[in-house]
Amino acid sequence: MNNLNWRKTSRSGSGANNCVELAIGESATYIRDTKDRDGGTLCVNPRSWAGFLGGLKAGRFDR
Protein backbone atom coordinates (compact mmCIF):
# COMPACT_ATOMS: atom_id res chain seq x y z
CA MET A 1 0.00 0.00 0.00
CA ASN A 2 3.01 2.31 0.21
CA ASN A 3 2.97 3.04 -3.52
CA LEU A 4 -0.69 4.10 -3.68
CA ASN A 5 -1.67 7.59 -4.82
CA TRP A 6 -3.81 8.92 -1.96
CA ARG A 7 -6.14 11.89 -2.49
CA LYS A 8 -8.54 13.73 -0.23
CA THR A 9 -12.15 13.27 -1.27
CA SER A 10 -13.90 16.27 -2.78
CA ARG A 11 -16.65 16.15 -0.14
CA SER A 12 -14.12 16.65 2.66
CA GLY A 13 -13.84 20.37 1.89
CA SER A 14 -10.86 22.57 2.58
CA GLY A 15 -9.62 22.86 6.13
CA ALA A 16 -12.17 20.39 7.44
CA ASN A 17 -11.23 18.13 10.34
CA ASN A 18 -13.34 15.22 9.08
CA CYS A 19 -11.39 14.35 5.94
CA VAL A 20 -11.28 11.02 4.19
CA GLU A 21 -8.61 9.93 1.72
CA LEU A 22 -9.01 7.42 -1.10
CA ALA A 23 -6.56 5.42 -3.16
CA ILE A 24 -7.69 3.35 -6.12
CA GLY A 25 -5.58 0.25 -6.57
CA GLU A 26 -5.71 -2.51 -9.17
CA SER A 27 -7.72 -4.88 -7.00
CA ALA A 28 -9.28 -2.61 -4.36
CA THR A 29 -10.22 0.87 -3.23
CA TYR A 30 -8.57 1.96 0.01
CA ILE A 31 -10.11 4.44 2.45
CA ARG A 32 -8.49 6.06 5.49
CA ASP A 33 -8.94 8.92 7.92
CA THR A 34 -6.69 11.86 7.08
CA LYS A 35 -6.14 12.69 10.76
CA ASP A 36 -5.02 9.14 11.61
CA ARG A 37 -3.35 7.69 8.53
CA ASP A 38 -1.73 4.89 10.54
CA GLY A 39 -4.95 4.08 12.42
CA GLY A 40 -6.25 1.62 9.85
CA THR A 41 -7.35 1.39 6.26
CA LEU A 42 -10.60 0.08 4.87
CA CYS A 43 -10.11 -2.09 1.80
CA VAL A 44 -13.09 -2.58 -0.56
CA ASN A 45 -13.21 -4.75 -3.67
CA PRO A 46 -14.13 -3.03 -6.97
CA ARG A 47 -17.62 -4.55 -7.20
CA SER A 48 -18.58 -3.45 -3.68
CA TRP A 49 -17.12 0.01 -4.25
CA ALA A 50 -19.11 0.42 -7.47
CA GLY A 51 -22.26 -0.67 -5.64
CA PHE A 52 -21.60 1.83 -2.86
CA LEU A 53 -21.07 4.68 -5.34
CA GLY A 54 -24.22 3.68 -7.20
CA GLY A 55 -26.16 3.80 -3.92
CA LEU A 56 -24.80 7.26 -3.16
CA LYS A 57 -25.76 8.57 -6.58
CA ALA A 58 -29.24 7.03 -6.26
CA GLY A 59 -29.77 8.71 -2.87
CA ARG A 60 -30.14 5.44 -0.94
CA PHE A 61 -28.07 6.79 1.94
CA ASP A 62 -29.73 10.20 2.20
CA ARG A 63 -31.20 11.08 5.55
C-alpha atoms as a PDB file:
ATOM      1  CA  MET A   1       0.000   0.000   0.000  1.00  0.00           C
ATOM      2  CA  ASN A   2       3.006   2.314   0.212  1.00  0.00           C
ATOM      3  CA  ASN A   3       2.972   3.039  -3.524  1.00  0.00           C
ATOM      4  CA  LEU A   4      -0.694   4.100  -3.677  1.00  0.00           C
ATOM      5  CA  ASN A   5      -1.670   7.590  -4.825  1.00  0.00           C
ATOM      6  CA  TRP A   6      -3.807   8.924  -1.963  1.00  0.00           C
ATOM      7  CA  ARG A   7      -6.139  11.894  -2.487  1.00  0.00           C
ATOM      8  CA  LYS A   8      -8.537  13.728  -0.234  1.00  0.00           C
ATOM      9  CA  THR A   9     -12.150  13.270  -1.265  1.00  0.00           C
ATOM     10  CA  SER A  10     -13.899  16.275  -2.783  1.00  0.00           C
ATOM     11  CA  ARG A  11     -16.648  16.148  -0.144  1.00  0.00           C
ATOM     12  CA  SER A  12     -14.117  16.650   2.658  1.00  0.00           C
ATOM     13  CA  GLY A  13     -13.836  20.366   1.886  1.00  0.00           C
ATOM     14  CA  SER A  14     -10.861  22.570   2.579  1.00  0.00           C
ATOM     15  CA  GLY A  15      -9.618  22.864   6.127  1.00  0.00           C
ATOM     16  CA  ALA A  16     -12.174  20.392   7.440  1.00  0.00           C
ATOM     17  CA  ASN A  17     -11.233  18.126  10.339  1.00  0.00           C
ATOM     18  CA  ASN A  18     -13.336  15.219   9.080  1.00  0.00           C
ATOM     19  CA  CYS A  19     -11.392  14.355   5.937  1.00  0.00           C
ATOM     20  CA  VAL A  20     -11.276  11.024   4.188  1.00  0.00           C
ATOM     21  CA  GLU A  21      -8.614   9.933   1.723  1.00  0.00           C
ATOM     22  CA  LEU A  22      -9.006   7.415  -1.095  1.00  0.00           C
ATOM     23  CA  ALA A  23      -6.562   5.423  -3.156  1.00  0.00           C
ATOM     24  CA  ILE A  24      -7.688   3.352  -6.117  1.00  0.00           C
ATOM     25  CA  GLY A  25      -5.576   0.246  -6.572  1.00  0.00           C
ATOM     26  CA  GLU A  26      -5.714  -2.505  -9.171  1.00  0.00           C
ATOM     27  CA  SER A  27      -7.725  -4.883  -7.000  1.00  0.00           C
ATOM     28  CA  ALA A  28      -9.275  -2.614  -4.360  1.00  0.00           C
ATOM     29  CA  THR A  29     -10.222   0.872  -3.233  1.00  0.00           C
ATOM     30  CA  TYR A  30      -8.573   1.958   0.011  1.00  0.00           C
ATOM     31  CA  ILE A  31     -10.109   4.440   2.448  1.00  0.00           C
ATOM     32  CA  ARG A  32      -8.491   6.055   5.486  1.00  0.00           C
ATOM     33  CA  ASP A  33      -8.942   8.921   7.919  1.00  0.00           C
ATOM     34  CA  THR A  34      -6.688  11.862   7.081  1.00  0.00           C
ATOM     35  CA  LYS A  35      -6.141  12.689  10.764  1.00  0.00           C
ATOM     36  CA  ASP A  36      -5.023   9.142  11.610  1.00  0.00           C
ATOM     37  CA  ARG A  37      -3.350   7.689   8.531  1.00  0.00           C
ATOM     38  CA  ASP A  38      -1.732   4.889  10.540  1.00  0.00           C
ATOM     39  CA  GLY A  39      -4.955   4.076  12.417  1.00  0.00           C
ATOM     40  CA  GLY A  40      -6.248   1.619   9.853  1.00  0.00           C
ATOM     41  CA  THR A  41      -7.351   1.395   6.258  1.00  0.00           C
ATOM     42  CA  LEU A  42     -10.604   0.085   4.874  1.00  0.00           C
ATOM     43  CA  CYS A  43     -10.106  -2.087   1.799  1.00  0.00           C
ATOM     44  CA  VAL A  44     -13.088  -2.576  -0.557  1.00  0.00           C
ATOM     45  CA  ASN A  45     -13.206  -4.755  -3.672  1.00  0.00           C
ATOM     46  CA  PRO A  46     -14.131  -3.030  -6.972  1.00  0.00           C
ATOM     47  CA  ARG A  47     -17.622  -4.547  -7.205  1.00  0.00           C
ATOM     48  CA  SER A  48     -18.579  -3.454  -3.684  1.00  0.00           C
ATOM     49  CA  TRP A  49     -17.116   0.015  -4.249  1.00  0.00           C
ATOM     50  CA  ALA A  50     -19.106   0.420  -7.471  1.00  0.00           C
ATOM     51  CA  GLY A  51     -22.264  -0.668  -5.637  1.00  0.00           C
ATOM     52  CA  PHE A  52     -21.604   1.830  -2.863  1.00  0.00           C
ATOM     53  CA  LEU A  53     -21.068   4.678  -5.337  1.00  0.00           C
ATOM     54  CA  GLY A  54     -24.222   3.680  -7.200  1.00  0.00           C
ATOM     55  CA  GLY A  55     -26.156   3.801  -3.924  1.00  0.00           C
ATOM     56  CA  LEU A  56     -24.798   7.260  -3.160  1.00  0.00           C
ATOM     57  CA  LYS A  57     -25.764   8.572  -6.582  1.00  0.00           C
ATOM     58  CA  ALA A  58     -29.242   7.031  -6.263  1.00  0.00           C
ATOM     59  CA  GLY A  59     -29.772   8.707  -2.867  1.00  0.00           C
ATOM     60  CA  ARG A  60     -30.140   5.437  -0.936  1.00  0.00           C
ATOM     61  CA  PHE A  61     -28.071   6.794   1.944  1.00  0.00           C
ATOM     62  CA  ASP A  62     -29.728  10.204   2.200  1.00  0.00           C
ATOM     63  CA  ARG A  63     -31.204  11.084   5.551  1.00  0.00           C
END
